[in-house]
C-alpha atoms as a PDB file:
ATOM      1  CA  MET A   1      55.509 146.643  98.965  1.00  0.00           C
ATOM      2  CA  ALA A   2      52.226 148.565  98.811  1.00  0.00           C
ATOM      3  CA  GLY A   3      51.663 147.401  95.245  1.00  0.00           C
ATOM      4  CA  GLY A   4      52.217 143.795  96.284  1.00  0.00           C
ATOM      5  CA  ILE A   5      49.696 144.135  99.103  1.00  0.00           C
ATOM      6  CA  ARG A   6      47.132 145.612  96.754  1.00  0.00           C
ATOM      7  CA  TRP A   7      47.512 142.703  94.324  1.00  0.00           C
ATOM      8  CA  HIS A   8      47.042 140.221  97.170  1.00  0.00           C
ATOM      9  CA  ASN A   9      43.844 142.055  97.998  1.00  0.00           C
ATOM     10  CA  VAL A  10      42.684 141.705  94.384  1.00  0.00           C
ATOM     11  CA  VAL A  11      43.281 137.951  94.488  1.00  0.00           C
ATOM     12  CA  ALA A  12      41.492 137.627  97.822  1.00  0.00           C
ATOM     13  CA  TRP A  13      38.475 139.595  96.658  1.00  0.00           C
ATOM     14  CA  THR A  14      38.384 137.563  93.434  1.00  0.00           C
ATOM     15  CA  LEU A  15      38.129 134.340  95.406  1.00  0.00           C
ATOM     16  CA  VAL A  16      35.409 135.845  97.585  1.00  0.00           C
ATOM     17  CA  ALA A  17      33.465 137.015  94.550  1.00  0.00           C
ATOM     18  CA  MET A  18      33.792 133.622  92.847  1.00  0.00           C
ATOM     19  CA  ALA A  19      32.664 131.787  95.961  1.00  0.00           C
ATOM     20  CA  THR A  20      29.730 134.145  96.411  1.00  0.00           C
ATOM     21  CA  SER A  21      28.629 133.842  92.806  1.00  0.00           C
ATOM     22  CA  SER A  22      28.809 130.042  92.845  1.00  0.00           C
ATOM     23  CA  GLY A  23      26.634 129.926  95.957  1.00  0.00           C
ATOM     24  CA  THR A  24      24.024 132.433  94.860  1.00  0.00           C
ATOM     25  CA  GLY A  25      23.843 131.920  91.121  1.00  0.00           C
ATOM     26  CA  CYS A  26      25.181 135.388  90.381  1.00  0.00           C
ATOM     27  CA  ASN A  27      26.527 136.114  86.918  1.00  0.00           C
ATOM     28  CA  MET A  28      30.289 135.558  86.837  1.00  0.00           C
ATOM     29  CA  LEU A  29      30.602 138.459  84.412  1.00  0.00           C
ATOM     30  CA  SER A  30      30.263 140.658  87.498  1.00  0.00           C
ATOM     31  CA  VAL A  31      33.670 139.449  88.702  1.00  0.00           C
ATOM     32  CA  PRO A  32      35.821 141.104  86.008  1.00  0.00           C
ATOM     33  CA  TYR A  33      33.602 144.186  86.253  1.00  0.00           C
ATOM     34  CA  PHE A  34      34.309 144.268  89.981  1.00  0.00           C
ATOM     35  CA  LEU A  35      38.040 143.949  89.379  1.00  0.00           C
ATOM     36  CA  PHE A  36      38.236 146.646  86.756  1.00  0.00           C
ATOM     37  CA  CYS A  37      36.416 149.049  89.040  1.00  0.00           C
ATOM     38  CA  MET A  38      39.101 148.645  91.676  1.00  0.00           C
ATOM     39  CA  ASP A  39      41.961 151.157  91.719  1.00  0.00           C
ATOM     40  CA  ASP A  40      45.118 150.014  89.951  1.00  0.00           C
ATOM     41  CA  PRO A  41      48.184 149.635  92.179  1.00  0.00           C
ATOM     42  CA  LYS A  42      50.460 152.626  91.627  1.00  0.00           C
ATOM     43  CA  GLN A  43      54.120 153.525  91.889  1.00  0.00           C
ATOM     44  CA  GLN A  44      54.597 156.923  93.477  1.00  0.00           C
ATOM     45  CA  ALA A  45      56.622 159.751  91.923  1.00  0.00           C
ATOM     46  CA  GLU A  46      60.251 158.632  91.662  1.00  0.00           C
ATOM     47  CA  ILE A  47      61.776 162.055  92.449  1.00  0.00           C
ATOM     48  CA  GLN A  48      59.014 164.203  93.934  1.00  0.00           C
ATOM     49  CA  LYS A  49      55.294 164.660  93.501  1.00  0.00           C
ATOM     50  CA  ILE A  50      54.689 168.052  91.891  1.00  0.00           C
ATOM     51  CA  ALA A  51      50.939 168.201  92.505  1.00  0.00           C
ATOM     52  CA  SER A  52      49.665 170.053  95.556  1.00  0.00           C
ATOM     53  CA  PRO A  53      48.372 168.020  98.538  1.00  0.00           C
ATOM     54  CA  ASN A  54      45.322 170.243  98.201  1.00  0.00           C
ATOM     55  CA  LYS A  55      43.329 168.671  95.363  1.00  0.00           C
ATOM     56  CA  LYS A  56      41.729 172.025  94.551  1.00  0.00           C
ATOM     57  CA  GLU A  57      45.030 173.883  94.194  1.00  0.00           C
ATOM     58  CA  GLU A  58      46.726 173.962  90.794  1.00  0.00           C
ATOM     59  CA  ARG A  59      50.482 173.731  90.398  1.00  0.00           C
ATOM     60  CA  LYS A  60      52.223 175.014  87.274  1.00  0.00           C
ATOM     61  CA  VAL A  61      55.354 173.480  85.753  1.00  0.00           C
ATOM     62  CA  VAL A  62      57.623 174.451  82.882  1.00  0.00           C
ATOM     63  CA  VAL A  63      59.681 171.739  81.141  1.00  0.00           C
ATOM     64  CA  LEU A  64      63.094 172.764  79.799  1.00  0.00           C
ATOM     65  CA  THR A  65      65.313 170.498  77.719  1.00  0.00           C
ATOM     66  CA  TYR A  66      68.902 171.217  76.733  1.00  0.00           C
ATOM     67  CA  HIS A  67      71.872 169.348  75.317  1.00  0.00           C
ATOM     68  CA  ARG A  68      75.367 170.692  75.932  1.00  0.00           C
ATOM     69  CA  LEU A  69      77.097 168.473  73.388  1.00  0.00           C
ATOM     70  CA  ASP A  70      76.344 168.118  69.708  1.00  0.00           C
ATOM     71  CA  LEU A  71      74.001 165.181  69.214  1.00  0.00           C
ATOM     72  CA  ARG A  72      73.965 162.829  66.261  1.00  0.00           C
ATOM     73  CA  PRO A  73      72.256 164.211  63.123  1.00  0.00           C
ATOM     74  CA  GLU A  74      69.252 161.929  63.684  1.00  0.00           C
ATOM     75  CA  PHE A  75      68.523 163.777  66.942  1.00  0.00           C
ATOM     76  CA  VAL A  76      68.339 167.324  65.593  1.00  0.00           C
ATOM     77  CA  ASN A  77      65.518 169.165  67.421  1.00  0.00           C
ATOM     78  CA  SER A  78      65.085 166.219  69.787  1.00  0.00           C
ATOM     79  CA  ASP A  79      64.984 168.652  72.725  1.00  0.00           C
ATOM     80  CA  ARG A  80      61.760 170.158  71.378  1.00  0.00           C
ATOM     81  CA  GLU A  81      60.141 166.785  70.788  1.00  0.00           C
ATOM     82  CA  LEU A  82      61.175 165.475  74.182  1.00  0.00           C
ATOM     83  CA  THR A  83      59.684 168.559  75.863  1.00  0.00           C
ATOM     84  CA  HIS A  84      56.423 167.851  74.036  1.00  0.00           C
ATOM     85  CA  PHE A  85      56.294 164.205  75.123  1.00  0.00           C
ATOM     86  CA  VAL A  86      57.099 164.998  78.763  1.00  0.00           C
ATOM     87  CA  GLU A  87      54.327 167.602  78.779  1.00  0.00           C
ATOM     88  CA  LYS A  88      51.918 165.136  77.156  1.00  0.00           C
ATOM     89  CA  HIS A  89      52.503 162.340  79.651  1.00  0.00           C
ATOM     90  CA  ILE A  90      52.531 164.538  82.760  1.00  0.00           C
ATOM     91  CA  LYS A  91      49.133 165.893  81.709  1.00  0.00           C
ATOM     92  CA  GLN A  92      47.769 162.414  81.012  1.00  0.00           C
ATOM     93  CA  LEU A  93      48.894 161.043  84.379  1.00  0.00           C
ATOM     94  CA  ALA A  94      47.660 164.136  86.204  1.00  0.00           C
ATOM     95  CA  GLU A  95      44.216 163.560  84.725  1.00  0.00           C
ATOM     96  CA  VAL A  96      44.221 159.903  85.750  1.00  0.00           C
ATOM     97  CA  ASN A  97      45.463 160.800  89.241  1.00  0.00           C
ATOM     98  CA  LYS A  98      42.925 163.643  89.541  1.00  0.00           C
ATOM     99  CA  GLU A  99      45.701 166.179  90.085  1.00  0.00           C
ATOM    100  CA  LYS A 100      45.601 169.828  89.033  1.00  0.00           C
ATOM    101  CA  ILE A 101      48.861 170.293  87.135  1.00  0.00           C
ATOM    102  CA  ALA A 102      49.233 172.907  84.405  1.00  0.00           C
ATOM    103  CA  VAL A 103      52.175 172.441  82.035  1.00  0.00           C
ATOM    104  CA  VAL A 104      53.442 175.408  80.035  1.00  0.00           C
ATOM    105  CA  LEU A 105      52.928 174.732  76.326  1.00  0.00           C
ATOM    106  CA  PRO A 106      56.162 173.610  74.600  1.00  0.00           C
ATOM    107  CA  ARG A 107      55.528 176.250  71.907  1.00  0.00           C
ATOM    108  CA  LYS A 108      55.755 179.009  74.524  1.00  0.00           C
ATOM    109  CA  VAL A 109      58.873 177.420  76.015  1.00  0.00           C
ATOM    110  CA  GLU A 110      60.558 177.407  72.599  1.00  0.00           C
ATOM    111  CA  GLU A 111      59.623 181.051  72.052  1.00  0.00           C
ATOM    112  CA  TYR A 112      61.255 181.930  75.360  1.00  0.00           C
ATOM    113  CA  LYS A 113      64.397 179.941  74.542  1.00  0.00           C
ATOM    114  CA  ASN A 114      64.686 181.564  71.117  1.00  0.00           C
ATOM    115  CA  ASN A 115      64.327 185.035  72.646  1.00  0.00           C
ATOM    116  CA  HIS A 116      66.803 184.222  75.425  1.00  0.00           C
ATOM    117  CA  PRO A 117      69.563 182.139  73.764  1.00  0.00           C
ATOM    118  CA  ASP A 118      71.657 182.206  76.949  1.00  0.00           C
ATOM    119  CA  TRP A 119      68.792 181.049  79.193  1.00  0.00           C
ATOM    120  CA  HIS A 120      70.675 177.931  80.290  1.00  0.00           C
ATOM    121  CA  GLU A 121      73.523 180.005  81.731  1.00  0.00           C
ATOM    122  CA  GLY A 122      71.327 181.683  84.309  1.00  0.00           C
ATOM    123  CA  GLU A 123      69.214 180.491  87.204  1.00  0.00           C
ATOM    124  CA  LEU A 124      66.490 178.035  86.210  1.00  0.00           C
ATOM    125  CA  ALA A 125      64.226 179.569  88.836  1.00  0.00           C
ATOM    126  CA  GLU A 126      64.304 182.803  86.818  1.00  0.00           C
ATOM    127  CA  VAL A 127      62.785 180.977  83.841  1.00  0.00           C
ATOM    128  CA  GLY A 128      60.146 179.557  86.155  1.00  0.00           C
ATOM    129  CA  ARG A 129      59.301 183.012  87.478  1.00  0.00           C
ATOM    130  CA  HIS A 130      58.905 184.298  83.928  1.00  0.00           C
ATOM    131  CA  PHE A 131      56.113 181.752  83.413  1.00  0.00           C
ATOM    132  CA  ASN A 132      54.735 182.227  86.933  1.00  0.00           C
ATOM    133  CA  ALA A 133      55.424 178.522  87.508  1.00  0.00           C
ATOM    134  CA  ASP A 134      55.821 176.588  90.728  1.00  0.00           C
ATOM    135  CA  TRP A 135      58.285 174.068  89.326  1.00  0.00           C
ATOM    136  CA  VAL A 136      60.928 173.807  86.612  1.00  0.00           C
ATOM    137  CA  VAL A 137      61.680 170.361  85.215  1.00  0.00           C
ATOM    138  CA  TYR A 138      65.113 170.592  83.599  1.00  0.00           C
ATOM    139  CA  LEU A 139      66.376 167.804  81.354  1.00  0.00           C
ATOM    140  CA  GLU A 140      70.014 167.981  80.317  1.00  0.00           C
ATOM    141  CA  ILE A 141      70.753 165.492  77.546  1.00  0.00           C
ATOM    142  CA  ASN A 142      74.244 164.017  77.782  1.00  0.00           C
ATOM    143  CA  SER A 143      73.953 161.555  74.922  1.00  0.00           C
ATOM    144  CA  MET A 144      71.427 159.719  72.746  1.00  0.00           C
ATOM    145  CA  SER A 145      71.699 156.947  70.192  1.00  0.00           C
ATOM    146  CA  LEU A 146      69.319 154.917  68.027  1.00  0.00           C
ATOM    147  CA  TYR A 147      71.226 151.754  67.172  1.00  0.00           C
ATOM    148  CA  GLU A 148      72.629 148.764  69.011  1.00  0.00           C
ATOM    149  CA  PRO A 149      76.411 149.227  69.275  1.00  0.00           C
ATOM    150  CA  GLY A 150      78.240 146.899  66.898  1.00  0.00           C
ATOM    151  CA  SER A 151      75.161 146.174  64.787  1.00  0.00           C
ATOM    152  CA  GLY A 152      76.232 148.407  61.934  1.00  0.00           C
ATOM    153  CA  GLY A 153      72.859 150.142  61.987  1.00  0.00           C
ATOM    154  CA  THR A 154      70.919 146.904  61.459  1.00  0.00           C
ATOM    155  CA  LEU A 155      69.308 146.799  64.932  1.00  0.00           C
ATOM    156  CA  TYR A 156      67.522 149.560  66.812  1.00  0.00           C
ATOM    157  CA  ARG A 157      68.252 150.150  70.492  1.00  0.00           C
ATOM    158  CA  GLY A 158      67.495 153.669  71.610  1.00  0.00           C
ATOM    159  CA  LYS A 159      69.636 154.801  74.531  1.00  0.00           C
ATOM    160  CA  ALA A 160      69.384 158.031  76.508  1.00  0.00           C
ATOM    161  CA  ASP A 161      71.734 159.413  79.148  1.00  0.00           C
ATOM    162  CA  MET A 162      70.427 162.531  80.880  1.00  0.00           C
ATOM    163  CA  THR A 163      70.468 164.517  84.096  1.00  0.00           C
ATOM    164  CA  ILE A 164      67.090 165.482  85.559  1.00  0.00           C
ATOM    165  CA  SER A 165      66.580 168.433  87.882  1.00  0.00           C
ATOM    166  CA  LEU A 166      63.428 169.592  89.638  1.00  0.00           C
ATOM    167  CA  VAL A 167      63.640 173.203  90.752  1.00  0.00           C
ATOM    168  CA  ASP A 168      61.298 174.682  93.339  1.00  0.00           C
ATOM    169  CA  VAL A 169      60.792 178.161  91.858  1.00  0.00           C
ATOM    170  CA  LYS A 170      59.748 179.826  95.115  1.00  0.00           C
ATOM    171  CA  ASN A 171      62.384 178.045  97.219  1.00  0.00           C
ATOM    172  CA  PRO A 172      65.208 177.069  94.838  1.00  0.00           C
ATOM    173  CA  ASP A 173      67.636 176.329  97.664  1.00  0.00           C
ATOM    174  CA  ASP A 174      65.286 173.586  98.864  1.00  0.00           C
ATOM    175  CA  SER A 175      65.347 171.792  95.512  1.00  0.00           C
ATOM    176  CA  ARG A 176      66.558 168.226  95.416  1.00  0.00           C
ATOM    177  CA  PRO A 177      69.957 167.417  93.851  1.00  0.00           C
ATOM    178  CA  PRO A 178      70.015 166.587  90.115  1.00  0.00           C
ATOM    179  CA  GLN A 179      69.446 162.909  89.347  1.00  0.00           C
ATOM    180  CA  ALA A 180      71.158 160.816  86.667  1.00  0.00           C
ATOM    181  CA  PHE A 181      68.752 159.055  84.316  1.00  0.00           C
ATOM    182  CA  THR A 182      69.430 156.389  81.703  1.00  0.00           C
ATOM    183  CA  CYS A 183      67.078 154.178  79.740  1.00  0.00           C
ATOM    184  CA  SER A 184      66.996 151.872  76.737  1.00  0.00           C
ATOM    185  CA  TYR A 185      64.225 151.258  74.224  1.00  0.00           C
ATOM    186  CA  PRO A 186      63.186 148.582  73.687  1.00  0.00           C
ATOM    187  CA  ARG A 187      64.446 147.078  76.930  1.00  0.00           C
ATOM    188  CA  GLU A 188      66.959 144.246  76.797  1.00  0.00           C
ATOM    189  CA  SER A 189      64.226 141.680  77.471  1.00  0.00           C
ATOM    190  CA  ARG A 190      62.192 142.808  74.455  1.00  0.00           C
ATOM    191  CA  ILE A 191      62.569 141.739  70.836  1.00  0.00           C
ATOM    192  CA  GLN A 192      64.606 144.268  68.909  1.00  0.00           C
ATOM    193  CA  MET A 193      63.307 146.133  65.881  1.00  0.00           C
ATOM    194  CA  THR A 194      65.149 146.602  62.596  1.00  0.00           C
ATOM    195  CA  PRO A 195      64.963 149.241  59.839  1.00  0.00           C
ATOM    196  CA  THR A 196      62.731 146.743  58.031  1.00  0.00           C
ATOM    197  CA  ASP A 197      60.155 147.040  60.839  1.00  0.00           C
ATOM    198  CA  LYS A 198      60.256 150.829  61.264  1.00  0.00           C
ATOM    199  CA  SER A 199      61.946 153.686  59.463  1.00  0.00           C
ATOM    200  CA  PRO A 200      64.578 155.604  61.469  1.00  0.00           C
ATOM    201  CA  SER A 201      62.212 158.574  61.869  1.00  0.00           C
ATOM    202  CA  GLU A 202      59.376 156.327  63.096  1.00  0.00           C
ATOM    203  CA  PHE A 203      61.611 154.580  65.616  1.00  0.00           C
ATOM    204  CA  ARG A 204      63.088 157.903  66.741  1.00  0.00           C
ATOM    205  CA  GLN A 205      59.624 159.200  67.588  1.00  0.00           C
ATOM    206  CA  MET A 206      58.716 155.993  69.434  1.00  0.00           C
ATOM    207  CA  PHE A 207      61.945 156.200  71.403  1.00  0.00           C
ATOM    208  CA  LEU A 208      61.547 159.866  72.359  1.00  0.00           C
ATOM    209  CA  GLU A 209      57.955 159.275  73.455  1.00  0.00           C
ATOM    210  CA  TYR A 210      59.128 156.377  75.626  1.00  0.00           C
ATOM    211  CA  VAL A 211      61.764 158.616  77.237  1.00  0.00           C
ATOM    212  CA  GLY A 212      59.153 161.331  77.810  1.00  0.00           C
ATOM    213  CA  ARG A 213      56.834 158.820  79.430  1.00  0.00           C
ATOM    214  CA  ARG A 214      59.556 157.533  81.732  1.00  0.00           C
ATOM    215  CA  VAL A 215      60.507 161.088  82.726  1.00  0.00           C
ATOM    216  CA  SER A 216      56.884 161.866  83.639  1.00  0.00           C
ATOM    217  CA  TRP A 217      57.019 159.035  86.190  1.00  0.00           C
ATOM    218  CA  LYS A 218      59.548 161.080  88.147  1.00  0.00           C
ATOM    219  CA  PHE A 219      56.908 163.659  89.103  1.00  0.00           C
ATOM    220  CA  THR A 220      53.574 161.885  89.490  1.00  0.00           C
ATOM    221  CA  ALA A 221      52.305 158.379  90.210  1.00  0.00           C
ATOM    222  CA  HIS A 222      51.850 155.821  87.431  1.00  0.00           C
ATOM    223  CA  PRO A 223      50.095 152.424  87.303  1.00  0.00           C
ATOM    224  CA  THR A 224      52.372 149.586  88.362  1.00  0.00           C
ATOM    225  CA  ARG A 225      51.380 147.614  85.263  1.00  0.00           C
ATOM    226  CA  ASP A 226      53.073 150.261  83.097  1.00  0.00           C
ATOM    227  CA  ASP A 227      56.445 149.081  84.420  1.00  0.00           C
ATOM    228  CA  PHE A 228      55.904 145.887  82.451  1.00  0.00           C
ATOM    229  CA  TYR A 229      54.111 147.191  79.375  1.00  0.00           C
ATOM    230  CA  ALA A 230      55.664 150.610  78.861  1.00  0.00           C
ATOM    231  CA  ASP A 231      57.563 149.446  75.796  1.00  0.00           C
END
């Protein structure tokens, strides 16, 4: 609703600016400049905002990705890549939103996981405490696929089925329940790609980045326009 109100305001101010410019001889190029200077309507964090209400206070988050079942061969090491893309997009949105969020480097997360092969069997808050983090974002991959079912590998349609958890390291009992997450890339309304358009490795990377971007929306605000142009 808030986004809709903001767009109505944009339209109203556009009409005012146009009327003013026509009556005073102002340059109409000032109208688009005026619009672009306005704040974009935003969708708030879909699970919980991880930034502090205090703009000067930094919050630290560690992103952990794990898959319990064997994934298809084309998704070997996808947990590492997905961690990278989630980190990338959280940082980008935090910068846009002027939020102080520090994300533990995926390289350091992988080092920890390699040195603690049973990390996923313990408390996630313990991992967070190791990194002196405020939050743990935990992504459990249930399944992933690259191709449209029944297409015989002739059409791409990336699909991800995951469970997302956000753990409050200092107060783990206050953490919200895990949330199911599914997405498709490209979306059903978009034109599908084929192996002629992109190689499997190229499409795989595009798909994983899309998933990482969508996951980042769970924890910080994103521009409403991205809902329409994300893929």
